[in-house]
Amino acid sequence: MLSELRMEPTGPRLFTRLEVLSVLKIGETTLFWLQRTGKLSPIRIGSRVLFNAAEIERLATHGATLTEAEKEAARSCRSKTSASGAAGRRGRHAVSRESARRPSPRA
């Protein structure tokens, strides 16, 4: 009986999100983008998010290329960011500082 259990295949190796980040040397945003664009399919078991080792190896070997639409979206996102500049960031911070000074209404 024990010998039968030892010979039984264990199935594919699954990686956690943290393991994928370290193996591929990418950040969480990139991992999220790979999932969202379908370039890396997660396997969900309960609340756990796991990734197949074969897919990780494929990404590490061949990489993930951008489609023309994705390239255009990245370009337009960069141009919007540079157009808003530091002035836009100061404005948001000024509002948050002002609201922090106001006393909160009590019920």
C-alpha atoms as a PDB file:
ATOM      1  CA  MET A   1       0.000   0.000   0.000  1.00  0.00           C
ATOM      2  CA  LEU A   2       2.752   2.526   0.914  1.00  0.00           C
ATOM      3  CA  SER A   3       4.707   1.726  -2.246  1.00  0.00           C
ATOM      4  CA  GLU A   4       1.635   2.549  -4.355  1.00  0.00           C
ATOM      5  CA  LEU A   5       1.330   5.946  -2.700  1.00  0.00           C
ATOM      6  CA  ARG A   6       4.992   6.759  -3.273  1.00  0.00           C
ATOM      7  CA  MET A   7       4.741   5.969  -6.979  1.00  0.00           C
ATOM      8  CA  GLU A   8       1.644   8.090  -7.467  1.00  0.00           C
ATOM      9  CA  PRO A   9       2.359  11.322  -9.400  1.00  0.00           C
ATOM     10  CA  THR A  10       2.070  14.456  -7.324  1.00  0.00           C
ATOM     11  CA  GLY A  11       0.891  16.740 -10.108  1.00  0.00           C
ATOM     12  CA  PRO A  12       2.384  19.968 -11.441  1.00  0.00           C
ATOM     13  CA  ARG A  13       4.433  22.263  -9.231  1.00  0.00           C
ATOM     14  CA  LEU A  14       2.517  25.397  -8.208  1.00  0.00           C
ATOM     15  CA  PHE A  15       4.108  28.697  -7.196  1.00  0.00           C
ATOM     16  CA  THR A  16       2.708  31.296  -4.813  1.00  0.00           C
ATOM     17  CA  ARG A  17       2.592  34.984  -5.790  1.00  0.00           C
ATOM     18  CA  LEU A  18       5.719  35.726  -3.732  1.00  0.00           C
ATOM     19  CA  GLU A  19       7.623  32.857  -5.361  1.00  0.00           C
ATOM     20  CA  VAL A  20       6.648  34.101  -8.837  1.00  0.00           C
ATOM     21  CA  LEU A  21       7.792  37.629  -7.973  1.00  0.00           C
ATOM     22  CA  SER A  22      11.164  36.336  -6.844  1.00  0.00           C
ATOM     23  CA  VAL A  23      11.674  33.816  -9.683  1.00  0.00           C
ATOM     24  CA  LEU A  24      10.755  36.251 -12.461  1.00  0.00           C
ATOM     25  CA  LYS A  25      12.282  39.255 -10.644  1.00  0.00           C
ATOM     26  CA  ILE A  26       9.215  41.408 -11.260  1.00  0.00           C
ATOM     27  CA  GLY A  27       7.023  43.599  -9.083  1.00  0.00           C
ATOM     28  CA  GLU A  28       3.429  43.128  -7.982  1.00  0.00           C
ATOM     29  CA  THR A  29       2.152  45.582 -10.590  1.00  0.00           C
ATOM     30  CA  THR A  30       3.766  43.582 -13.395  1.00  0.00           C
ATOM     31  CA  LEU A  31       2.358  40.330 -12.032  1.00  0.00           C
ATOM     32  CA  PHE A  32      -1.103  41.907 -11.880  1.00  0.00           C
ATOM     33  CA  TRP A  33      -0.692  43.142 -15.472  1.00  0.00           C
ATOM     34  CA  LEU A  34       0.346  39.639 -16.632  1.00  0.00           C
ATOM     35  CA  GLN A  35      -2.788  38.209 -15.036  1.00  0.00           C
ATOM     36  CA  ARG A  36      -5.116  40.941 -16.315  1.00  0.00           C
ATOM     37  CA  THR A  37      -3.890  40.620 -19.904  1.00  0.00           C
ATOM     38  CA  GLY A  38      -4.119  36.814 -19.838  1.00  0.00           C
ATOM     39  CA  LYS A  39      -0.385  36.286 -20.288  1.00  0.00           C
ATOM     40  CA  LEU A  40      -0.289  34.349 -16.992  1.00  0.00           C
ATOM     41  CA  SER A  41      -3.296  32.380 -15.753  1.00  0.00           C
ATOM     42  CA  PRO A  42      -3.710  31.998 -11.996  1.00  0.00           C
ATOM     43  CA  ILE A  43      -5.045  28.856 -10.364  1.00  0.00           C
ATOM     44  CA  ARG A  44      -7.333  29.723  -7.461  1.00  0.00           C
ATOM     45  CA  ILE A  45      -7.708  27.239  -4.614  1.00  0.00           C
ATOM     46  CA  GLY A  46      -9.912  28.775  -1.980  1.00  0.00           C
ATOM     47  CA  SER A  47      -8.407  32.175  -1.241  1.00  0.00           C
ATOM     48  CA  ARG A  48      -4.953  31.136  -2.481  1.00  0.00           C
ATOM     49  CA  VAL A  49      -3.665  32.317  -5.860  1.00  0.00           C
ATOM     50  CA  LEU A  50      -1.134  29.923  -7.402  1.00  0.00           C
ATOM     51  CA  PHE A  51       0.667  29.684 -10.737  1.00  0.00           C
ATOM     52  CA  ASN A  52       1.706  26.650 -12.779  1.00  0.00           C
ATOM     53  CA  ALA A  53       5.473  26.066 -12.992  1.00  0.00           C
ATOM     54  CA  ALA A  54       5.280  25.427 -16.756  1.00  0.00           C
ATOM     55  CA  GLU A  55       3.771  28.889 -17.323  1.00  0.00           C
ATOM     56  CA  ILE A  56       6.411  30.518 -15.124  1.00  0.00           C
ATOM     57  CA  GLU A  57       9.151  28.736 -17.064  1.00  0.00           C
ATOM     58  CA  ARG A  58       7.571  29.831 -20.376  1.00  0.00           C
ATOM     59  CA  LEU A  59       7.519  33.456 -19.234  1.00  0.00           C
ATOM     60  CA  ALA A  60      11.096  33.270 -17.941  1.00  0.00           C
ATOM     61  CA  THR A  61      12.294  31.765 -21.231  1.00  0.00           C
ATOM     62  CA  HIS A  62      10.261  33.634 -23.829  1.00  0.00           C
ATOM     63  CA  GLY A  63       9.009  36.699 -21.962  1.00  0.00           C
ATOM     64  CA  ALA A  64       5.681  38.411 -22.540  1.00  0.00           C
ATOM     65  CA  THR A  65       5.343  40.671 -25.535  1.00  0.00           C
ATOM     66  CA  LEU A  66       3.052  43.669 -25.742  1.00  0.00           C
ATOM     67  CA  THR A  67       0.371  43.899 -28.386  1.00  0.00           C
ATOM     68  CA  GLU A  68       0.156  47.125 -30.414  1.00  0.00           C
ATOM     69  CA  ALA A  69      -2.902  48.194 -28.395  1.00  0.00           C
ATOM     70  CA  GLU A  70      -0.999  47.661 -25.132  1.00  0.00           C
ATOM     71  CA  LYS A  71       1.959  49.657 -26.435  1.00  0.00           C
ATOM     72  CA  GLU A  72      -0.344  52.528 -27.421  1.00  0.00           C
ATOM     73  CA  ALA A  73      -2.063  52.460 -24.026  1.00  0.00           C
ATOM     74  CA  ALA A  74       1.328  52.622 -22.272  1.00  0.00           C
ATOM     75  CA  ARG A  75       2.381  55.571 -24.458  1.00  0.00           C
ATOM     76  CA  SER A  76      -0.810  57.509 -23.763  1.00  0.00           C
ATOM     77  CA  CYS A  77      -0.543  56.776 -20.044  1.00  0.00           C
ATOM     78  CA  ARG A  78       3.034  58.116 -19.968  1.00  0.00           C
ATOM     79  CA  SER A  79       2.071  61.281 -21.838  1.00  0.00           C
ATOM     80  CA  LYS A  80      -0.817  61.957 -19.418  1.00  0.00           C
ATOM     81  CA  THR A  81       1.514  61.486 -16.449  1.00  0.00           C
ATOM     82  CA  SER A  82       4.139  63.864 -17.799  1.00  0.00           C
ATOM     83  CA  ALA A  83       1.487  66.447 -18.791  1.00  0.00           C
ATOM     84  CA  SER A  84       0.015  66.621 -15.286  1.00  0.00           C
ATOM     85  CA  GLY A  85       3.481  67.177 -13.818  1.00  0.00           C
ATOM     86  CA  ALA A  86       4.306  68.190 -10.278  1.00  0.00           C
ATOM     87  CA  ALA A  87       1.629  70.921 -10.147  1.00  0.00           C
ATOM     88  CA  GLY A  88      -1.113  68.313 -10.173  1.00  0.00           C
ATOM     89  CA  ARG A  89       0.526  66.422  -7.359  1.00  0.00           C
ATOM     90  CA  ARG A  90       0.912  69.569  -5.209  1.00  0.00           C
ATOM     91  CA  GLY A  91      -2.760  70.367  -5.661  1.00  0.00           C
ATOM     92  CA  ARG A  92      -3.871  66.991  -4.355  1.00  0.00           C
ATOM     93  CA  HIS A  93      -1.556  67.231  -1.340  1.00  0.00           C
ATOM     94  CA  ALA A  94      -2.756  70.746  -0.508  1.00  0.00           C
ATOM     95  CA  VAL A  95      -6.342  69.538  -0.377  1.00  0.00           C
ATOM     96  CA  SER A  96      -5.475  66.641   1.892  1.00  0.00           C
ATOM     97  CA  ARG A  97      -3.489  68.923   4.247  1.00  0.00           C
ATOM     98  CA  GLU A  98      -6.362  71.406   4.377  1.00  0.00           C
ATOM     99  CA  SER A  99      -8.877  68.727   5.217  1.00  0.00           C
ATOM    100  CA  ALA A 100      -6.542  67.381   7.884  1.00  0.00           C
ATOM    101  CA  ARG A 101      -6.602  70.796   9.682  1.00  0.00           C
ATOM    102  CA  ARG A 102     -10.391  70.987   9.782  1.00  0.00           C
ATOM    103  CA  PRO A 103     -11.969  69.667  12.961  1.00  0.00           C
ATOM    104  CA  SER A 104     -14.089  66.615  12.346  1.00  0.00           C
ATOM    105  CA  PRO A 105     -17.847  66.992  12.868  1.00  0.00           C
ATOM    106  CA  ARG A 106     -19.070  65.261  15.990  1.00  0.00           C
ATOM    107  CA  ALA A 107     -22.339  63.420  16.106  1.00  0.00           C
END
